[in-house]
Amino acid sequence: MRIARISTKTPEQEASNTDLDLLNPLIEKYKDKKGKLIPLLQGTQDIFGYIPREAFLKISEETGLDLSDMYGVATFYAQFRLNPVGKHIVKVCHGTACHVQNANEVTESLQDALKIKDGETTEDGLFTLESVACLGCCSLAPVMMIGDETYGKLDGKQAVKIVKNIKIKESN
């Protein structure tokens, strides 16, 4: 149930939206330190919300880290994102307890309401939908998280209502 995290944008599309100078203080901080790879990737993601391709190239050039090592770490750990995400990440649990309590209905209802597929972001940049293996809230199955908020014992209509209420708050 792993979602694709490799960008489909061309480097030209991505570079035009990325101010790589924002990386300079981060690179300077970790340039000569051991164990710099993960902190550099984390810092880059904190700056941009994801790790753009052009950022990998700049970090590699300025620190000497191999691109293959950087991509290997970034694609291994689920914490790293290689695509832009929405302001609100909607995580729907599909662990065993949630699966048997019909988490698929929750995901399908959200996909219909948001007009996106799993792993995609809405056109307005407000929501990203992700299916995850487990959120650790089995007694609340089926469950979803939006940011730090957990919503349990859901059906599709309830999940859509929660997302719509967030959208209304954002527009005010």
N, C-alpha and C. Protein backbone atom coordinates (compact mmCIF):
# COMPACT_ATOMS: atom_id res chain seq x y z
N MET A 1 0.84 -1.18 0.00
CA MET A 1 0.00 0.00 0.00
C MET A 1 0.88 1.24 0.00
N ARG A 2 2.11 1.10 -0.40
CA ARG A 2 3.03 2.23 -0.45
C ARG A 2 2.69 3.10 -1.65
N ILE A 3 2.60 4.39 -1.42
CA ILE A 3 2.26 5.30 -2.50
C ILE A 3 3.52 5.77 -3.21
N ALA A 4 3.38 6.10 -4.47
CA ALA A 4 4.51 6.58 -5.25
C ALA A 4 4.96 7.93 -4.73
N ARG A 5 6.29 8.09 -4.54
CA ARG A 5 6.79 9.36 -4.02
C ARG A 5 7.83 9.98 -4.93
N ILE A 6 7.91 9.53 -6.16
CA ILE A 6 8.84 10.11 -7.13
C ILE A 6 8.09 11.14 -7.96
N SER A 7 8.66 12.31 -8.11
CA SER A 7 8.00 13.41 -8.82
C SER A 7 7.87 13.11 -10.30
N THR A 8 6.73 13.50 -10.87
CA THR A 8 6.52 13.36 -12.31
C THR A 8 6.75 14.68 -13.02
N LYS A 9 7.09 15.73 -12.28
CA LYS A 9 7.37 17.02 -12.89
C LYS A 9 8.73 16.97 -13.60
N THR A 10 8.86 17.78 -14.62
CA THR A 10 10.16 17.89 -15.26
C THR A 10 11.05 18.75 -14.38
N PRO A 11 12.37 18.60 -14.47
CA PRO A 11 13.26 19.44 -13.68
C PRO A 11 13.05 20.93 -13.91
N GLU A 12 12.67 21.32 -15.13
CA GLU A 12 12.45 22.73 -15.43
C GLU A 12 11.23 23.26 -14.67
N GLN A 13 10.15 22.46 -14.59
CA GLN A 13 8.96 22.88 -13.86
C GLN A 13 9.28 23.04 -12.38
N GLU A 14 10.03 22.09 -11.86
CA GLU A 14 10.34 22.10 -10.44
C GLU A 14 11.28 23.25 -10.09
N ALA A 15 12.32 23.44 -10.87
CA ALA A 15 13.33 24.44 -10.57
C ALA A 15 12.75 25.85 -10.56
N SER A 16 11.77 26.09 -11.39
CA SER A 16 11.21 27.43 -11.47
C SER A 16 10.48 27.83 -10.19
N ASN A 17 10.08 26.85 -9.37
CA ASN A 17 9.35 27.12 -8.14
C ASN A 17 10.22 26.97 -6.89
N THR A 18 11.51 26.73 -7.04
CA THR A 18 12.35 26.38 -5.92
C THR A 18 13.47 27.40 -5.75
N ASP A 19 13.49 28.08 -4.60
CA ASP A 19 14.57 29.01 -4.28
C ASP A 19 15.65 28.24 -3.52
N LEU A 20 16.63 27.75 -4.26
CA LEU A 20 17.67 26.90 -3.67
C LEU A 20 18.58 27.65 -2.70
N ASP A 21 18.57 28.97 -2.77
CA ASP A 21 19.39 29.75 -1.83
C ASP A 21 18.93 29.54 -0.38
N LEU A 22 17.70 29.12 -0.21
CA LEU A 22 17.20 28.83 1.14
C LEU A 22 17.96 27.69 1.80
N LEU A 23 18.63 26.87 0.99
CA LEU A 23 19.39 25.74 1.52
C LEU A 23 20.76 26.14 2.06
N ASN A 24 21.25 27.32 1.70
CA ASN A 24 22.62 27.70 2.06
C ASN A 24 22.93 27.61 3.55
N PRO A 25 22.11 28.15 4.44
CA PRO A 25 22.42 28.04 5.88
C PRO A 25 22.41 26.58 6.36
N LEU A 26 21.50 25.78 5.83
CA LEU A 26 21.42 24.37 6.21
C LEU A 26 22.67 23.62 5.78
N ILE A 27 23.07 23.83 4.54
CA ILE A 27 24.26 23.16 4.02
C ILE A 27 25.49 23.59 4.80
N GLU A 28 25.60 24.88 5.09
CA GLU A 28 26.74 25.39 5.85
C GLU A 28 26.79 24.76 7.24
N LYS A 29 25.64 24.57 7.85
CA LYS A 29 25.57 23.99 9.20
C LYS A 29 26.08 22.55 9.24
N TYR A 30 25.76 21.76 8.22
CA TYR A 30 26.08 20.33 8.24
C TYR A 30 27.20 19.91 7.31
N LYS A 31 27.72 20.82 6.50
CA LYS A 31 28.65 20.50 5.43
C LYS A 31 29.80 19.58 5.86
N ASP A 32 30.44 19.89 6.97
CA ASP A 32 31.62 19.14 7.38
C ASP A 32 31.37 18.19 8.55
N LYS A 33 30.12 17.87 8.82
CA LYS A 33 29.81 16.99 9.95
C LYS A 33 29.56 15.57 9.49
N LYS A 34 29.90 14.62 10.35
CA LYS A 34 29.57 13.22 10.09
C LYS A 34 28.08 13.03 10.32
N GLY A 35 27.48 12.08 9.63
CA GLY A 35 26.07 11.81 9.81
C GLY A 35 25.17 12.92 9.31
N LYS A 36 25.61 13.63 8.27
CA LYS A 36 24.88 14.81 7.80
C LYS A 36 23.73 14.49 6.86
N LEU A 37 23.71 13.29 6.30
CA LEU A 37 22.73 12.98 5.26
C LEU A 37 21.29 13.16 5.73
N ILE A 38 20.89 12.49 6.79
CA ILE A 38 19.50 12.58 7.23
C ILE A 38 19.15 13.99 7.72
N PRO A 39 19.98 14.65 8.53
CA PRO A 39 19.64 16.02 8.91
C PRO A 39 19.49 16.97 7.71
N LEU A 40 20.32 16.78 6.68
CA LEU A 40 20.20 17.62 5.48
C LEU A 40 18.87 17.36 4.77
N LEU A 41 18.49 16.09 4.66
CA LEU A 41 17.21 15.78 4.02
C LEU A 41 16.04 16.29 4.84
N GLN A 42 16.10 16.12 6.15
CA GLN A 42 15.03 16.61 7.01
C GLN A 42 14.92 18.13 6.93
N GLY A 43 16.04 18.81 6.98
CA GLY A 43 16.05 20.27 6.90
C GLY A 43 15.51 20.77 5.57
N THR A 44 15.88 20.08 4.50
CA THR A 44 15.40 20.46 3.17
C THR A 44 13.88 20.31 3.10
N GLN A 45 13.39 19.21 3.65
CA GLN A 45 11.94 18.99 3.64
C GLN A 45 11.24 20.02 4.52
N ASP A 46 11.86 20.42 5.62
CA ASP A 46 11.27 21.47 6.46
C ASP A 46 11.16 22.79 5.70
N ILE A 47 12.12 23.07 4.85
CA ILE A 47 12.13 24.31 4.09
C ILE A 47 11.07 24.30 2.98
N PHE A 48 11.03 23.23 2.20
CA PHE A 48 10.18 23.20 1.00
C PHE A 48 8.88 22.41 1.17
N GLY A 49 8.77 21.63 2.24
CA GLY A 49 7.60 20.77 2.43
C GLY A 49 7.78 19.41 1.78
N TYR A 50 8.79 19.27 0.99
CA TYR A 50 9.19 18.03 0.33
C TYR A 50 10.64 18.24 -0.11
N ILE A 51 11.24 17.22 -0.75
CA ILE A 51 12.63 17.38 -1.20
C ILE A 51 12.64 17.44 -2.73
N PRO A 52 12.79 18.65 -3.28
CA PRO A 52 12.81 18.79 -4.73
C PRO A 52 14.08 18.18 -5.34
N ARG A 53 13.97 17.75 -6.58
CA ARG A 53 15.09 17.15 -7.29
C ARG A 53 16.29 18.10 -7.33
N GLU A 54 16.01 19.36 -7.60
CA GLU A 54 17.09 20.35 -7.67
C GLU A 54 17.83 20.49 -6.33
N ALA A 55 17.12 20.27 -5.23
CA ALA A 55 17.76 20.35 -3.91
C ALA A 55 18.74 19.19 -3.73
N PHE A 56 18.36 18.00 -4.20
CA PHE A 56 19.28 16.86 -4.16
C PHE A 56 20.58 17.21 -4.89
N LEU A 57 20.44 17.81 -6.07
CA LEU A 57 21.62 18.15 -6.88
C LEU A 57 22.50 19.17 -6.17
N LYS A 58 21.89 20.20 -5.60
CA LYS A 58 22.66 21.24 -4.90
C LYS A 58 23.39 20.65 -3.69
N ILE A 59 22.69 19.85 -2.90
CA ILE A 59 23.30 19.25 -1.71
C ILE A 59 24.45 18.34 -2.11
N SER A 60 24.24 17.57 -3.15
CA SER A 60 25.29 16.66 -3.62
C SER A 60 26.54 17.44 -4.05
N GLU A 61 26.32 18.50 -4.83
CA GLU A 61 27.44 19.31 -5.33
C GLU A 61 28.22 19.97 -4.19
N GLU A 62 27.50 20.46 -3.19
CA GLU A 62 28.14 21.26 -2.15
C GLU A 62 28.66 20.45 -0.96
N THR A 63 28.18 19.20 -0.82
CA THR A 63 28.64 18.41 0.34
C THR A 63 29.43 17.18 -0.07
N GLY A 64 29.34 16.80 -1.35
CA GLY A 64 30.03 15.61 -1.81
C GLY A 64 29.25 14.32 -1.58
N LEU A 65 28.04 14.42 -1.06
CA LEU A 65 27.22 13.23 -0.88
C LEU A 65 26.78 12.69 -2.23
N ASP A 66 26.77 11.37 -2.37
CA ASP A 66 26.34 10.74 -3.62
C ASP A 66 24.84 10.86 -3.78
N LEU A 67 24.40 11.19 -4.98
CA LEU A 67 22.97 11.27 -5.26
C LEU A 67 22.28 9.94 -4.97
N SER A 68 22.93 8.85 -5.35
CA SER A 68 22.30 7.54 -5.14
C SER A 68 22.11 7.24 -3.66
N ASP A 69 23.06 7.66 -2.82
CA ASP A 69 22.90 7.46 -1.37
C ASP A 69 21.76 8.32 -0.84
N MET A 70 21.68 9.55 -1.32
CA MET A 70 20.63 10.45 -0.85
C MET A 70 19.25 9.94 -1.26
N TYR A 71 19.10 9.53 -2.52
CA TYR A 71 17.81 9.00 -2.97
C TYR A 71 17.49 7.68 -2.26
N GLY A 72 18.51 6.88 -2.01
CA GLY A 72 18.30 5.62 -1.30
C GLY A 72 17.69 5.84 0.08
N VAL A 73 18.23 6.81 0.81
CA VAL A 73 17.70 7.13 2.14
C VAL A 73 16.31 7.76 2.03
N ALA A 74 16.15 8.70 1.10
CA ALA A 74 14.89 9.43 0.97
C ALA A 74 13.74 8.52 0.54
N THR A 75 14.03 7.49 -0.25
CA THR A 75 12.95 6.59 -0.67
C THR A 75 12.75 5.45 0.31
N PHE A 76 13.73 5.17 1.16
CA PHE A 76 13.58 4.11 2.15
C PHE A 76 12.69 4.55 3.31
N TYR A 77 12.92 5.75 3.83
CA TYR A 77 12.18 6.23 4.99
C TYR A 77 10.91 6.94 4.56
N ALA A 78 9.79 6.52 5.16
CA ALA A 78 8.49 7.09 4.80
C ALA A 78 8.36 8.56 5.20
N GLN A 79 9.23 9.05 6.10
CA GLN A 79 9.12 10.45 6.53
C GLN A 79 9.45 11.44 5.41
N PHE A 80 10.19 10.98 4.41
CA PHE A 80 10.62 11.88 3.35
C PHE A 80 9.64 11.87 2.19
N ARG A 81 9.43 13.06 1.62
CA ARG A 81 8.52 13.22 0.50
C ARG A 81 9.30 13.80 -0.69
N LEU A 82 9.01 13.26 -1.86
CA LEU A 82 9.66 13.74 -3.07
C LEU A 82 8.69 14.51 -3.96
N ASN A 83 7.47 14.71 -3.46
CA ASN A 83 6.45 15.48 -4.18
C ASN A 83 5.85 16.50 -3.22
N PRO A 84 5.40 17.62 -3.74
CA PRO A 84 4.72 18.59 -2.86
C PRO A 84 3.45 17.98 -2.26
N VAL A 85 3.12 18.40 -1.06
CA VAL A 85 1.92 17.89 -0.39
C VAL A 85 1.00 19.05 -0.03
N GLY A 86 -0.22 18.72 0.29
CA GLY A 86 -1.21 19.72 0.66
C GLY A 86 -0.98 20.24 2.07
N LYS A 87 -1.68 21.30 2.38
CA LYS A 87 -1.59 21.91 3.70
C LYS A 87 -2.04 20.92 4.77
N HIS A 88 -3.04 20.11 4.44
CA HIS A 88 -3.56 19.10 5.37
C HIS A 88 -3.34 17.72 4.76
N ILE A 89 -2.63 16.87 5.48
CA ILE A 89 -2.42 15.50 5.03
C ILE A 89 -3.46 14.62 5.72
N VAL A 90 -4.30 13.98 4.91
CA VAL A 90 -5.35 13.11 5.41
C VAL A 90 -4.84 11.67 5.32
N LYS A 91 -4.58 11.06 6.47
CA LYS A 91 -4.08 9.69 6.51
C LYS A 91 -5.22 8.77 6.93
N VAL A 92 -5.53 7.83 6.06
CA VAL A 92 -6.58 6.85 6.36
C VAL A 92 -5.89 5.52 6.68
N CYS A 93 -6.17 4.99 7.85
CA CYS A 93 -5.57 3.73 8.28
C CYS A 93 -6.19 2.57 7.52
N HIS A 94 -5.33 1.68 7.04
CA HIS A 94 -5.78 0.45 6.38
C HIS A 94 -5.16 -0.77 7.03
N GLY A 95 -4.83 -0.64 8.33
CA GLY A 95 -4.37 -1.80 9.10
C GLY A 95 -5.49 -2.80 9.23
N THR A 96 -5.20 -3.94 9.84
CA THR A 96 -6.17 -5.03 9.91
C THR A 96 -7.50 -4.61 10.53
N ALA A 97 -7.46 -3.98 11.69
CA ALA A 97 -8.71 -3.59 12.36
C ALA A 97 -9.51 -2.61 11.51
N CYS A 98 -8.85 -1.64 10.93
CA CYS A 98 -9.54 -0.66 10.09
C CYS A 98 -10.04 -1.30 8.80
N HIS A 99 -9.24 -2.19 8.25
CA HIS A 99 -9.63 -2.86 7.01
C HIS A 99 -10.94 -3.63 7.20
N VAL A 100 -11.03 -4.41 8.28
CA VAL A 100 -12.25 -5.20 8.49
C VAL A 100 -13.44 -4.33 8.88
N GLN A 101 -13.17 -3.10 9.33
CA GLN A 101 -14.25 -2.16 9.66
C GLN A 101 -14.57 -1.23 8.48
N ASN A 102 -14.08 -1.59 7.30
CA ASN A 102 -14.41 -0.91 6.04
C ASN A 102 -13.70 0.43 5.83
N ALA A 103 -12.40 0.44 6.05
CA ALA A 103 -11.60 1.62 5.76
C ALA A 103 -11.65 1.96 4.27
N ASN A 104 -11.87 0.95 3.43
CA ASN A 104 -11.95 1.22 1.99
C ASN A 104 -13.08 2.19 1.67
N GLU A 105 -14.19 2.09 2.37
CA GLU A 105 -15.31 3.01 2.15
C GLU A 105 -14.89 4.45 2.49
N VAL A 106 -14.13 4.60 3.57
CA VAL A 106 -13.67 5.92 3.99
C VAL A 106 -12.77 6.50 2.89
N THR A 107 -11.80 5.72 2.44
CA THR A 107 -10.87 6.18 1.41
C THR A 107 -11.61 6.51 0.11
N GLU A 108 -12.49 5.63 -0.32
CA GLU A 108 -13.21 5.86 -1.57
C GLU A 108 -14.09 7.10 -1.50
N SER A 109 -14.74 7.31 -0.36
CA SER A 109 -15.58 8.50 -0.19
C SER A 109 -14.74 9.77 -0.25
N LEU A 110 -13.57 9.74 0.39
CA LEU A 110 -12.68 10.91 0.36
C LEU A 110 -12.14 11.15 -1.05
N GLN A 111 -11.81 10.07 -1.76
CA GLN A 111 -11.34 10.23 -3.13
C GLN A 111 -12.41 10.88 -4.00
N ASP A 112 -13.65 10.45 -3.84
CA ASP A 112 -14.74 11.04 -4.62
C ASP A 112 -14.96 12.50 -4.26
N ALA A 113 -14.96 12.80 -2.96
CA ALA A 113 -15.23 14.17 -2.52
C ALA A 113 -14.10 15.13 -2.90
N LEU A 114 -12.87 14.66 -2.78
CA LEU A 114 -11.71 15.52 -3.06
C LEU A 114 -11.28 15.48 -4.52
N LYS A 115 -11.82 14.52 -5.26
CA LYS A 115 -11.48 14.34 -6.68
C LYS A 115 -9.99 14.08 -6.89
N ILE A 116 -9.44 13.23 -6.02
CA ILE A 116 -8.04 12.81 -6.13
C ILE A 116 -7.94 11.32 -5.82
N LYS A 117 -6.81 10.75 -6.19
CA LYS A 117 -6.52 9.35 -5.86
C LYS A 117 -5.58 9.31 -4.66
N ASP A 118 -5.39 8.12 -4.14
CA ASP A 118 -4.49 7.93 -3.02
C ASP A 118 -3.09 8.44 -3.39
N GLY A 119 -2.52 9.25 -2.52
CA GLY A 119 -1.19 9.79 -2.75
C GLY A 119 -1.17 11.11 -3.50
N GLU A 120 -2.33 11.58 -3.92
CA GLU A 120 -2.40 12.83 -4.68
C GLU A 120 -2.82 14.00 -3.80
N THR A 121 -2.64 15.19 -4.35
CA THR A 121 -2.98 16.43 -3.67
C THR A 121 -4.04 17.17 -4.47
N THR A 122 -4.99 17.78 -3.77
CA THR A 122 -6.04 18.53 -4.45
C THR A 122 -5.45 19.70 -5.22
N GLU A 123 -6.15 20.14 -6.25
CA GLU A 123 -5.66 21.24 -7.10
C GLU A 123 -5.42 22.51 -6.30
N ASP A 124 -6.23 22.75 -5.28
CA ASP A 124 -6.06 23.95 -4.47
C ASP A 124 -4.93 23.83 -3.45
N GLY A 125 -4.28 22.66 -3.40
CA GLY A 125 -3.15 22.46 -2.49
C GLY A 125 -3.55 22.33 -1.03
N LEU A 126 -4.82 22.10 -0.79
CA LEU A 126 -5.31 22.04 0.58
C LEU A 126 -5.17 20.66 1.22
N PHE A 127 -5.41 19.59 0.44
CA PHE A 127 -5.41 18.25 1.00
C PHE A 127 -4.55 17.29 0.19
N THR A 128 -3.85 16.41 0.91
CA THR A 128 -3.18 15.26 0.32
C THR A 128 -3.79 14.04 1.00
N LEU A 129 -4.16 13.04 0.22
CA LEU A 129 -4.77 11.82 0.74
C LEU A 129 -3.76 10.69 0.73
N GLU A 130 -3.59 10.02 1.87
CA GLU A 130 -2.65 8.91 1.97
C GLU A 130 -3.29 7.74 2.71
N SER A 131 -3.14 6.56 2.15
CA SER A 131 -3.47 5.34 2.87
C SER A 131 -2.22 4.92 3.61
N VAL A 132 -2.36 4.59 4.90
CA VAL A 132 -1.22 4.18 5.70
C VAL A 132 -1.48 2.81 6.30
N ALA A 133 -0.41 2.12 6.66
CA ALA A 133 -0.52 0.75 7.15
C ALA A 133 -1.18 0.68 8.53
N CYS A 134 -0.84 1.58 9.43
CA CYS A 134 -1.43 1.55 10.76
C CYS A 134 -1.19 2.87 11.47
N LEU A 135 -2.23 3.35 12.14
CA LEU A 135 -2.11 4.57 12.94
C LEU A 135 -2.08 4.27 14.43
N GLY A 136 -2.22 2.99 14.77
CA GLY A 136 -2.14 2.59 16.17
C GLY A 136 -3.36 2.94 17.00
N CYS A 137 -4.50 3.09 16.36
CA CYS A 137 -5.75 3.45 17.06
C CYS A 137 -6.80 2.37 16.77
N CYS A 138 -6.43 1.13 16.93
CA CYS A 138 -7.28 0.01 16.51
C CYS A 138 -8.66 0.02 17.16
N SER A 139 -8.75 0.48 18.39
CA SER A 139 -10.06 0.48 19.06
C SER A 139 -11.01 1.52 18.45
N LEU A 140 -10.48 2.44 17.64
CA LEU A 140 -11.30 3.47 17.00
C LEU A 140 -11.62 3.14 15.54
N ALA A 141 -11.28 1.95 15.09
CA ALA A 141 -11.39 1.58 13.68
C ALA A 141 -12.81 1.77 13.13
N PRO A 142 -12.89 2.23 11.87
CA PRO A 142 -11.82 2.77 11.01
C PRO A 142 -11.49 4.20 11.41
N VAL A 143 -10.22 4.55 11.23
CA VAL A 143 -9.71 5.81 11.74
C VAL A 143 -8.95 6.56 10.65
N MET A 144 -8.95 7.91 10.78
CA MET A 144 -8.12 8.74 9.92
C MET A 144 -7.51 9.84 10.80
N MET A 145 -6.38 10.36 10.33
CA MET A 145 -5.73 11.49 10.99
C MET A 145 -5.59 12.61 9.99
N ILE A 146 -5.83 13.83 10.47
CA ILE A 146 -5.56 15.02 9.69
C ILE A 146 -4.71 15.90 10.59
N GLY A 147 -3.45 16.04 10.22
CA GLY A 147 -2.50 16.72 11.10
C GLY A 147 -2.35 15.92 12.37
N ASP A 148 -2.57 16.54 13.52
CA ASP A 148 -2.46 15.85 14.80
C ASP A 148 -3.80 15.36 15.33
N GLU A 149 -4.87 15.61 14.59
CA GLU A 149 -6.21 15.22 15.03
C GLU A 149 -6.56 13.82 14.54
N THR A 150 -7.08 12.99 15.44
CA THR A 150 -7.50 11.63 15.11
C THR A 150 -9.02 11.56 15.11
N TYR A 151 -9.58 10.93 14.09
CA TYR A 151 -11.02 10.78 13.97
C TYR A 151 -11.32 9.29 13.84
N GLY A 152 -12.16 8.77 14.72
CA GLY A 152 -12.41 7.34 14.72
C GLY A 152 -13.85 6.96 14.56
N LYS A 153 -14.05 5.64 14.41
CA LYS A 153 -15.39 5.05 14.23
C LYS A 153 -16.11 5.72 13.06
N LEU A 154 -15.37 5.89 11.95
CA LEU A 154 -15.86 6.65 10.80
C LEU A 154 -16.59 5.79 9.79
N ASP A 155 -17.45 6.43 9.05
CA ASP A 155 -17.93 5.89 7.78
C ASP A 155 -17.57 6.94 6.72
N GLY A 156 -17.85 6.64 5.48
CA GLY A 156 -17.48 7.55 4.40
C GLY A 156 -18.08 8.93 4.53
N LYS A 157 -19.36 9.01 4.89
CA LYS A 157 -20.03 10.30 5.01
C LYS A 157 -19.41 11.15 6.11
N GLN A 158 -19.10 10.54 7.24
CA GLN A 158 -18.49 11.29 8.34
C GLN A 158 -17.13 11.84 7.94
N ALA A 159 -16.33 11.03 7.26
CA ALA A 159 -15.00 11.46 6.84
C ALA A 159 -15.09 12.65 5.90
N VAL A 160 -16.01 12.58 4.95
CA VAL A 160 -16.20 13.68 3.99
C VAL A 160 -16.66 14.94 4.71
N LYS A 161 -17.54 14.80 5.68
CA LYS A 161 -18.04 15.96 6.43
C LYS A 161 -16.89 16.64 7.18
N ILE A 162 -15.99 15.87 7.76
CA ILE A 162 -14.84 16.43 8.48
C ILE A 162 -13.97 17.25 7.53
N VAL A 163 -13.70 16.69 6.36
CA VAL A 163 -12.86 17.37 5.36
C VAL A 163 -13.55 18.64 4.86
N LYS A 164 -14.84 18.55 4.62
CA LYS A 164 -15.58 19.73 4.16
C LYS A 164 -15.57 20.84 5.21
N ASN A 165 -15.69 20.47 6.49
CA ASN A 165 -15.62 21.48 7.56
C ASN A 165 -14.26 22.16 7.61
N ILE A 166 -13.21 21.42 7.40
CA ILE A 166 -11.87 22.01 7.35
C ILE A 166 -11.77 22.98 6.17
N LYS A 167 -12.31 22.57 5.04
CA LYS A 167 -12.28 23.44 3.86
C LYS A 167 -13.04 24.73 4.11
N ILE A 168 -14.18 24.65 4.79
CA ILE A 168 -14.96 25.84 5.11
C ILE A 168 -14.16 26.77 6.03
N LYS A 169 -13.51 26.20 7.04
CA LYS A 169 -12.68 27.01 7.96
C LYS A 169 -11.55 27.70 7.21
N GLU A 170 -10.96 26.99 6.26
CA GLU A 170 -9.85 27.56 5.49
C GLU A 170 -10.30 28.70 4.61
N SER A 171 -11.52 28.64 4.12
CA SER A 171 -11.99 29.70 3.21
C SER A 171 -12.45 30.95 3.94
N ASN A 172 -12.64 30.84 5.26
CA ASN A 172 -13.06 32.02 6.05
C ASN A 172 -11.91 32.86 6.51
